[in-house]
């Protein structure tokens, strides 16, 4: 959906690139979803081929821990018991369903439902301005929806790991696209009115009394409402109690740095570990490698110090390491340096000049502690910064590395040169 939304926006700007498009062009969600499913099928087939090549047996069905060393797999009316010596649990999560306005798949949608839309809604309210909420707000707005996004905190992307500068720039760009952003409020009531939904907002529970007096309560009528405010662990009815496997009071599974649970030989990876870890697919993949190696007798530990985050908004956001706020909280003496994308020739060539790169570094030695990029292809560009943090590199190490021209990767060269006191621009 993101790729289609990006392409659709480029069509609208075609004249700026010397192309005259004659006739109308509209997004076709049915064909978009068919393409999405085709890509998923290709990926699934590729994984199954990898299983076959590596002599990995694949069983399809619902797994249940029957007893110590024994799994039951249910598939339709069939049951099959499989013995195990070691076990890796990777059951993941599902969208958090709120009892006051539960998902119905038609008017009140989950993030999963948004991936199965048959047509673009004329208007939609997205509840929750976290990563998923902001991504869908940008995508649906680009495809033609009138979008309102509601967040209970005082800013969009209210994550400590996302630098406030990125959130501010994204807020500005979303407002340019006519996305209405409402902060410090939450949904208090919903009521169906024919094909429409009346949504009443009220004070956020995170507000103090001083701010409450300044909040203007509103009621909106929208075609659909998407709730994107969290995930629930898929840990119920899994038989964890049958082997005395511990979860916390919300159902998340605690593990040690070897990804092992309280039960020897039983490991857990991915989103089922909960928000105390980092709930990203590429993190789960690495956790899986750690767990697998240890299950085979290894002694590998998981390191979360250099984990890149990719947020597919418009513009994209990539970050790794600590934010400025985190550095301040940790009482680290830092130097923060930023450079705008408009300084790059390539950004002007592709018509995407909004955004910046920011480096948080130790003031004494220039060691890079965090990098936050918002701009074109930020989710790709963050890889260089991830390597830099992983290897303990300094700002001058990047500044003294030759970057190809004209490329977007030059943003890291520019911000590092500036951080080294030899800025070429700004």
Protein backbone atom coordinates (compact mmCIF):
# COMPACT_ATOMS: atom_id res chain seq x y z
CA UNK A 1 0.00 0.00 0.00
CA UNK A 2 2.84 2.39 0.82
CA UNK A 3 4.47 1.86 -2.58
CA UNK A 4 1.17 2.47 -4.36
CA UNK A 5 0.55 5.62 -2.31
CA UNK A 6 4.04 6.94 -3.13
CA UNK A 7 3.52 6.24 -6.83
CA UNK A 8 0.09 7.88 -6.81
CA UNK A 9 1.56 11.05 -5.31
CA UNK A 10 4.27 11.04 -7.97
CA UNK A 11 1.57 10.88 -10.66
CA UNK A 12 0.01 14.00 -9.17
CA UNK A 13 3.38 15.76 -9.39
CA UNK A 14 4.22 14.46 -12.88
CA UNK A 15 4.17 17.91 -14.49
CA UNK A 16 6.98 19.00 -12.17
CA UNK A 17 9.11 16.30 -13.79
CA UNK A 18 8.24 17.25 -17.36
CA UNK A 19 5.51 14.65 -17.90
CA UNK A 20 1.98 15.54 -19.05
CA UNK A 21 -0.55 12.93 -17.98
CA UNK A 22 -3.76 13.06 -20.00
CA UNK A 23 -7.01 11.68 -18.59
CA UNK A 24 -7.85 10.66 -15.04
CA UNK A 25 -6.05 8.19 -12.82
CA UNK A 26 -7.47 6.72 -9.63
CA UNK A 27 -6.26 4.12 -7.12
CA UNK A 28 -7.74 0.65 -7.68
CA UNK A 29 -7.77 -1.04 -4.27
CA UNK A 30 -8.95 -4.40 -5.61
CA UNK A 31 -5.92 -4.66 -7.89
CA UNK A 32 -3.68 -3.28 -5.15
CA UNK A 33 -4.81 -6.04 -2.77
CA UNK A 34 -4.32 -8.68 -5.46
CA UNK A 35 -0.76 -7.44 -5.95
CA UNK A 36 -0.19 -7.47 -2.18
CA UNK A 37 -1.40 -11.06 -1.96
CA UNK A 38 0.74 -12.09 -4.94
CA UNK A 39 3.84 -10.72 -3.23
CA UNK A 40 2.91 -12.47 0.03
CA UNK A 41 2.41 -15.75 -1.87
CA UNK A 42 5.84 -15.37 -3.51
CA UNK A 43 7.47 -14.77 -0.13
CA UNK A 44 5.66 -17.71 1.46
CA UNK A 45 6.64 -20.01 -1.41
CA UNK A 46 10.24 -18.88 -1.05
CA UNK A 47 10.27 -19.68 2.65
CA UNK A 48 8.70 -23.11 2.06
CA UNK A 49 11.41 -23.81 -0.54
CA UNK A 50 14.04 -22.85 2.02
CA UNK A 51 12.45 -25.31 4.46
CA UNK A 52 12.58 -28.03 1.85
CA UNK A 53 16.19 -27.29 0.93
CA UNK A 54 17.22 -27.40 4.60
CA UNK A 55 15.14 -30.54 5.32
CA UNK A 56 12.88 -28.66 7.74
CA UNK A 57 9.50 -30.28 8.30
CA UNK A 58 6.57 -27.84 8.19
CA UNK A 59 3.28 -28.62 9.93
CA UNK A 60 0.28 -26.37 9.35
CA UNK A 61 -2.22 -25.96 12.17
CA UNK A 62 -2.70 -24.58 15.67
CA UNK A 63 -0.02 -25.61 18.13
CA UNK A 64 -0.71 -26.43 21.78
CA UNK A 65 1.76 -27.52 24.47
CA UNK A 66 0.20 -30.75 25.70
CA UNK A 67 2.89 -31.76 28.17
CA UNK A 68 6.59 -31.52 28.83
CA UNK A 69 8.30 -32.35 25.55
CA UNK A 70 5.03 -32.76 23.64
CA UNK A 71 3.16 -30.47 21.22
CA UNK A 72 -0.31 -31.12 19.80
CA UNK A 73 -1.11 -29.66 16.40
CA UNK A 74 -4.76 -29.23 15.41
CA UNK A 75 -5.71 -28.85 11.76
CA UNK A 76 -9.46 -28.94 11.03
CA UNK A 77 -10.62 -32.21 12.61
CA UNK A 78 -7.15 -33.75 12.77
CA UNK A 79 -4.78 -33.85 15.73
CA UNK A 80 -1.14 -34.76 15.73
CA UNK A 81 1.32 -35.08 18.60
CA UNK A 82 4.95 -34.08 18.04
CA UNK A 83 7.70 -34.66 20.59
CA UNK A 84 10.37 -32.00 21.17
CA UNK A 85 13.65 -31.66 23.02
CA UNK A 86 13.88 -27.89 22.57
CA UNK A 87 11.10 -25.42 21.78
CA UNK A 88 11.06 -21.88 20.35
CA UNK A 89 7.81 -19.95 20.85
CA UNK A 90 7.10 -17.23 18.26
CA UNK A 91 3.33 -16.81 18.40
CA UNK A 92 3.36 -13.01 18.06
CA UNK A 93 0.47 -10.64 18.68
CA UNK A 94 -2.85 -9.40 17.37
CA UNK A 95 -4.39 -5.89 17.36
CA UNK A 96 -5.61 -4.79 20.79
CA UNK A 97 -9.40 -4.86 20.85
CA UNK A 98 -11.04 -2.16 23.02
CA UNK A 99 -14.28 -3.25 24.68
CA UNK A 100 -15.85 0.24 24.44
CA UNK A 101 -15.60 0.17 20.63
CA UNK A 102 -14.78 -3.39 19.50
CA UNK A 103 -13.71 -4.26 15.97
CA UNK A 104 -16.53 -5.19 13.61
CA UNK A 105 -14.44 -5.34 10.42
CA UNK A 106 -16.79 -2.91 8.66
CA UNK A 107 -17.03 0.43 10.48
CA UNK A 108 -14.58 -0.02 13.35
CA UNK A 109 -11.39 -1.51 11.97
CA UNK A 110 -8.18 -3.02 13.25
CA UNK A 111 -4.85 -2.51 11.51
CA UNK A 112 -5.33 -6.00 10.03
CA UNK A 113 -8.67 -4.89 8.56
CA UNK A 114 -6.98 -1.91 6.90
CA UNK A 115 -4.86 -4.36 4.93
CA UNK A 116 -8.01 -5.95 3.50
CA UNK A 117 -9.90 -2.82 2.39
CA UNK A 118 -11.89 -3.18 -0.84
CA UNK A 119 -12.27 0.54 -1.44
CA UNK A 120 -10.80 3.79 -0.17
CA UNK A 121 -13.03 5.29 2.57
CA UNK A 122 -14.06 8.87 1.93
CA UNK A 123 -13.30 9.70 5.56
CA UNK A 124 -11.58 7.84 8.35
CA UNK A 125 -10.52 8.55 11.92
CA UNK A 126 -7.40 6.76 13.09
CA UNK A 127 -7.16 6.32 16.85
CA UNK A 128 -3.55 6.20 17.96
CA UNK A 129 -0.68 8.17 16.41
CA UNK A 130 1.98 5.58 17.02
CA UNK A 131 3.95 3.94 14.22
CA UNK A 132 1.06 1.97 12.68
CA UNK A 133 -1.44 4.82 13.04
CA UNK A 134 0.85 7.38 11.40
CA UNK A 135 1.79 4.99 8.58
CA UNK A 136 -1.84 4.33 7.67
CA UNK A 137 -2.79 7.99 8.07
CA UNK A 138 -0.22 8.93 5.43
CA UNK A 139 -1.08 6.08 3.09
CA UNK A 140 -4.86 6.56 3.17
CA UNK A 141 -4.55 10.33 2.85
CA UNK A 142 -2.34 9.92 -0.22
CA UNK A 143 -4.90 7.56 -1.76
CA UNK A 144 -7.72 10.06 -1.28
CA UNK A 145 -9.25 9.65 2.18
CA UNK A 146 -10.00 12.58 4.46
CA UNK A 147 -7.99 11.53 7.50
CA UNK A 148 -8.23 12.57 11.14
CA UNK A 149 -5.74 11.07 13.58
CA UNK A 150 -6.28 11.18 17.36
CA UNK A 151 -3.57 10.70 19.97
CA UNK A 152 -3.88 10.72 23.76
CA UNK A 153 -0.34 12.04 24.27
CA UNK A 154 0.86 15.54 23.41
CA UNK A 155 2.52 14.62 20.09
CA UNK A 156 2.38 12.08 17.29
CA UNK A 157 4.88 9.21 17.52
CA UNK A 158 5.06 9.62 21.31
CA UNK A 159 7.84 7.06 21.62
CA UNK A 160 10.93 7.83 23.66
CA UNK A 161 13.09 6.22 20.96
CA UNK A 162 11.75 8.55 18.24
CA UNK A 163 13.45 11.92 18.45
CA UNK A 164 11.06 14.81 18.95
CA UNK A 165 12.51 16.59 15.91
CA UNK A 166 11.31 13.76 13.65
CA UNK A 167 7.82 13.94 15.16
CA UNK A 168 7.71 17.72 14.64
CA UNK A 169 8.73 17.50 10.99
CA UNK A 170 6.27 14.68 10.31
CA UNK A 171 3.50 16.72 11.97
CA UNK A 172 4.28 19.63 9.63
CA UNK A 173 4.28 17.42 6.53
CA UNK A 174 1.06 15.63 7.52
CA UNK A 175 -0.69 18.96 8.01
CA UNK A 176 0.48 19.99 4.53
CA UNK A 177 -1.36 16.91 3.23
CA UNK A 178 -4.52 18.10 5.05
CA UNK A 179 -4.36 15.34 7.67
CA UNK A 180 -6.08 16.63 10.80
CA UNK A 181 -4.03 15.87 13.91
CA UNK A 182 -5.67 15.94 17.34
CA UNK A 183 -3.50 15.36 20.41
CA UNK A 184 -4.25 15.18 24.14
CA UNK A 185 -7.65 13.60 23.46
CA UNK A 186 -9.11 10.11 23.33
CA UNK A 187 -12.32 8.57 22.03
CA UNK A 188 -15.07 8.64 24.65
CA UNK A 189 -18.08 7.50 22.64
CA UNK A 190 -19.02 6.09 19.24
CA UNK A 191 -22.49 5.84 17.75
CA UNK A 192 -23.60 4.56 14.37
CA UNK A 193 -25.67 6.90 12.23
CA UNK A 194 -26.68 5.00 9.14
CA UNK A 195 -23.51 4.30 7.16
CA UNK A 196 -21.57 6.85 9.19
CA UNK A 197 -20.03 6.76 12.64
CA UNK A 198 -20.29 9.61 15.15
CA UNK A 199 -17.14 9.78 17.29
CA UNK A 200 -17.01 11.93 20.43
CA UNK A 201 -13.61 12.90 21.83
CA UNK A 202 -12.75 13.90 25.38
CA UNK A 203 -9.84 14.63 27.69
CA UNK A 204 -6.94 12.22 27.58
CA UNK A 205 -6.18 10.42 30.86
CA UNK A 206 -2.56 11.54 30.37
CA UNK A 207 -3.49 15.23 30.71
CA UNK A 208 -2.98 17.27 33.85
CA UNK A 209 -5.72 19.61 35.08
CA UNK A 210 -4.05 22.73 33.66
CA UNK A 211 -4.10 21.39 30.11
CA UNK A 212 -7.65 20.04 30.41
CA UNK A 213 -9.07 23.55 30.57
CA UNK A 214 -7.54 24.36 27.17
CA UNK A 215 -8.87 21.28 25.34
CA UNK A 216 -11.78 21.79 22.97
CA UNK A 217 -13.91 18.65 22.82
CA UNK A 218 -15.17 17.66 19.39
CA UNK A 219 -17.54 15.25 17.67
CA UNK A 220 -16.75 13.90 14.21
CA UNK A 221 -18.81 12.00 11.68
CA UNK A 222 -16.66 9.59 9.66
CA UNK A 223 -17.22 6.65 7.38
CA UNK A 224 -14.80 4.42 9.29
CA UNK A 225 -12.67 4.42 12.41
CA UNK A 226 -9.43 2.47 12.71
CA UNK A 227 -8.10 1.63 16.17
CA UNK A 228 -4.30 1.40 16.24
CA UNK A 229 -3.39 1.71 19.91
CA UNK A 230 -1.54 -1.45 20.74
CA UNK A 231 -1.11 -5.20 20.43
CA UNK A 232 -2.24 -8.18 22.50
CA UNK A 233 -0.06 -11.27 23.04
CA UNK A 234 -1.15 -14.53 21.43
CA UNK A 235 -0.46 -16.51 24.57
CA UNK A 236 -3.92 -17.68 25.60
CA UNK A 237 -4.91 -21.32 25.23
CA UNK A 238 -1.36 -22.25 24.28
CA UNK A 239 -0.86 -24.73 27.12
CA UNK A 240 1.91 -22.76 28.80
CA UNK A 241 0.65 -23.84 32.21
CA UNK A 242 1.18 -27.48 31.28
CA UNK A 243 4.95 -26.95 31.48
CA UNK A 244 4.82 -24.19 34.14
CA UNK A 245 6.03 -21.58 31.63
CA UNK A 246 5.73 -18.12 33.17
CA UNK A 247 4.13 -15.06 31.60
CA UNK A 248 3.54 -11.66 33.15
CA UNK A 249 0.07 -10.44 34.10
CA UNK A 250 -0.59 -9.30 30.51
CA UNK A 251 0.53 -12.54 28.87
CA UNK A 252 4.00 -11.48 27.67
CA UNK A 253 6.80 -14.03 28.04
CA UNK A 254 9.93 -12.97 30.00
CA UNK A 255 13.26 -14.31 28.69
CA UNK A 256 16.94 -13.94 29.53
CA UNK A 257 19.57 -12.58 27.15
CA UNK A 258 19.85 -16.03 25.55
CA UNK A 259 16.12 -15.87 24.71
CA UNK A 260 15.41 -18.69 27.16
CA UNK A 261 12.25 -18.70 29.30
CA UNK A 262 12.03 -19.90 32.90
CA UNK A 263 11.88 -23.44 31.50
CA UNK A 264 15.22 -24.89 30.42
CA UNK A 265 15.24 -25.65 26.70
CA UNK A 266 12.16 -23.50 25.97
CA UNK A 267 12.86 -20.21 24.18
CA UNK A 268 10.66 -17.31 23.04
CA UNK A 269 11.22 -14.65 20.38
CA UNK A 270 9.44 -11.78 18.65
CA UNK A 271 6.42 -9.74 19.66
CA UNK A 272 5.31 -12.32 22.25
CA UNK A 273 8.10 -10.89 24.45
CA UNK A 274 6.15 -7.65 24.67
CA UNK A 275 7.12 -3.95 24.85
CA UNK A 276 9.95 -4.57 27.31
CA UNK A 277 11.88 -5.71 24.22
CA UNK A 278 11.74 -4.18 20.73
CA UNK A 279 8.69 -5.35 18.77
CA UNK A 280 10.02 -5.30 15.21
CA UNK A 281 10.19 -8.08 12.61
CA UNK A 282 13.93 -7.77 12.01
CA UNK A 283 14.56 -7.91 15.76
CA UNK A 284 12.48 -11.09 15.99
CA UNK A 285 14.55 -12.59 13.18
CA UNK A 286 17.78 -11.91 15.05
CA UNK A 287 16.28 -13.18 18.31
CA UNK A 288 15.36 -16.34 16.41
CA UNK A 289 18.98 -16.86 15.34
CA UNK A 290 20.14 -16.40 18.93
CA UNK A 291 17.53 -18.83 20.25
CA UNK A 292 18.24 -21.43 17.56
CA UNK A 293 22.00 -21.35 18.17
CA UNK A 294 21.51 -21.74 21.91
CA UNK A 295 18.96 -24.52 21.44
CA UNK A 296 21.69 -26.39 19.55
CA UNK A 297 24.15 -25.99 22.40
CA UNK A 298 25.59 -22.56 21.67
CA UNK A 299 26.18 -19.67 24.03
CA UNK A 300 24.97 -16.62 22.10
CA UNK A 301 23.40 -13.52 23.69
CA UNK A 302 21.04 -10.92 22.26
CA UNK A 303 22.27 -7.32 22.01
CA UNK A 304 19.68 -4.54 21.58
CA UNK A 305 22.17 -1.63 21.53
CA UNK A 306 22.11 -1.03 17.77
CA UNK A 307 18.61 -1.83 16.54
CA UNK A 308 17.35 0.24 13.60
CA UNK A 309 13.72 1.28 13.43
CA UNK A 310 11.92 1.89 10.13
CA UNK A 311 8.71 3.94 10.01
CA UNK A 312 7.02 4.04 6.61
CA UNK A 313 5.36 7.43 6.79
CA UNK A 314 5.63 10.20 4.19
CA UNK A 315 8.45 11.13 4.56
CA UNK A 316 9.96 7.98 6.03
CA UNK A 317 11.69 7.85 9.40
CA UNK A 318 14.70 5.75 10.32
CA UNK A 319 16.34 5.82 13.71
CA UNK A 320 18.91 3.89 15.70
CA UNK A 321 20.45 4.36 19.12
CA UNK A 322 19.24 6.84 21.69
CA UNK A 323 17.25 10.03 21.17
CA UNK A 324 18.21 13.44 22.50
CA UNK A 325 15.63 13.09 25.28
CA UNK A 326 17.04 9.71 26.30
CA UNK A 327 20.58 11.10 26.36
CA UNK A 328 19.50 14.00 28.58
CA UNK A 329 17.69 11.61 30.92
CA UNK A 330 20.88 9.54 31.19
CA UNK A 331 22.90 12.71 32.00
CA UNK A 332 25.19 12.22 29.00
CA UNK A 333 27.09 15.29 27.82
CA UNK A 334 26.10 15.33 24.14
CA UNK A 335 26.43 17.30 20.96
CA UNK A 336 23.46 17.28 18.58
CA UNK A 337 23.92 18.12 14.91
CA UNK A 338 21.34 18.23 12.13
CA UNK A 339 21.30 18.91 8.38
CA UNK A 340 18.25 19.34 6.15
CA UNK A 341 17.72 17.18 3.07
CA UNK A 342 17.25 20.32 0.99
CA UNK A 343 21.06 20.64 1.09
CA UNK A 344 21.35 17.58 -1.20
CA UNK A 345 21.18 17.78 -4.97
CA UNK A 346 19.61 14.31 -5.18
CA UNK A 347 16.74 15.39 -2.91
CA UNK A 348 15.93 18.22 -5.32
CA UNK A 349 16.23 15.90 -8.33
CA UNK A 350 13.62 13.49 -6.95
CA UNK A 351 11.45 16.31 -5.60
CA UNK A 352 11.64 15.24 -1.96
CA UNK A 353 13.43 17.92 0.05
CA UNK A 354 11.48 17.67 3.33
CA UNK A 355 13.32 16.22 6.30
CA UNK A 356 16.64 16.12 8.09
CA UNK A 357 19.30 13.89 9.58
CA UNK A 358 20.33 14.33 13.20
CA UNK A 359 23.28 12.84 15.06
CA UNK A 360 23.52 12.58 18.84
CA UNK A 361 27.17 12.13 19.83
CA UNK A 362 29.26 12.20 22.98
CA UNK A 363 30.71 15.69 23.29
CA UNK A 364 34.10 14.57 24.55
CA UNK A 365 35.05 12.11 21.81
CA UNK A 366 32.40 12.36 19.08
CA UNK A 367 31.22 8.76 19.54
CA UNK A 368 27.87 8.33 17.79
CA UNK A 369 25.09 7.42 20.24
CA UNK A 370 22.01 7.93 18.06
CA UNK A 371 20.98 8.86 14.53
CA UNK A 372 17.51 10.03 13.55
CA UNK A 373 16.61 10.53 9.90
CA UNK A 374 13.33 11.76 8.47
CA UNK A 375 13.24 12.16 4.73
CA UNK A 376 13.31 10.26 1.42
CA UNK A 377 14.43 6.62 1.81
CA UNK A 378 15.28 7.18 5.49
CA UNK A 379 14.49 3.52 6.21
CA UNK A 380 17.30 2.50 3.85
CA UNK A 381 19.74 5.23 4.87
CA UNK A 382 19.65 4.25 8.55
CA UNK A 383 21.74 1.14 7.79
CA UNK A 384 25.00 3.15 7.68
CA UNK A 385 24.20 4.68 11.07
CA UNK A 386 23.39 1.26 12.53
CA UNK A 387 26.79 -0.06 11.50
CA UNK A 388 28.45 3.05 12.92
CA UNK A 389 26.83 2.57 16.34
CA UNK A 390 27.42 -1.18 16.29
CA UNK A 391 31.14 -0.62 15.70
CA UNK A 392 31.48 2.31 18.11
CA UNK A 393 32.38 4.81 15.38
CA UNK A 394 32.70 8.55 15.78
CA UNK A 395 31.30 11.48 13.84
CA UNK A 396 34.72 12.07 12.27
CA UNK A 397 34.82 8.43 11.05
CA UNK A 398 31.73 9.12 8.94
CA UNK A 399 32.96 12.57 7.88
CA UNK A 400 36.18 11.03 6.56
CA UNK A 401 34.31 8.40 4.53
CA UNK A 402 33.76 9.21 0.86
CA UNK A 403 30.09 9.16 -0.13
CA UNK A 404 28.96 8.86 -3.75
CA UNK A 405 27.46 11.93 -5.40
CA UNK A 406 24.68 12.65 -6.15
CA UNK A 407 23.01 10.31 -3.65
CA UNK A 408 20.76 10.59 -0.64
CA UNK A 409 23.46 8.83 1.40
CA UNK A 410 25.36 12.12 1.35
CA UNK A 411 23.06 13.27 4.16
CA UNK A 412 25.23 11.24 6.58
CA UNK A 413 28.37 12.84 5.18
CA UNK A 414 26.88 16.33 5.48
CA UNK A 415 25.67 15.94 9.06
CA UNK A 416 28.97 14.31 10.11
CA UNK A 417 31.05 17.08 8.52
CA UNK A 418 28.94 19.63 10.34
CA UNK A 419 29.33 17.68 13.60
CA UNK A 420 33.09 17.68 13.07
CA UNK A 421 33.11 21.47 12.71
CA UNK A 422 33.79 21.51 8.97
CA UNK A 423 30.27 21.89 7.57
CA UNK A 424 29.83 22.28 3.83
CA UNK A 425 26.26 23.50 4.17
CA UNK A 426 24.58 25.29 7.06
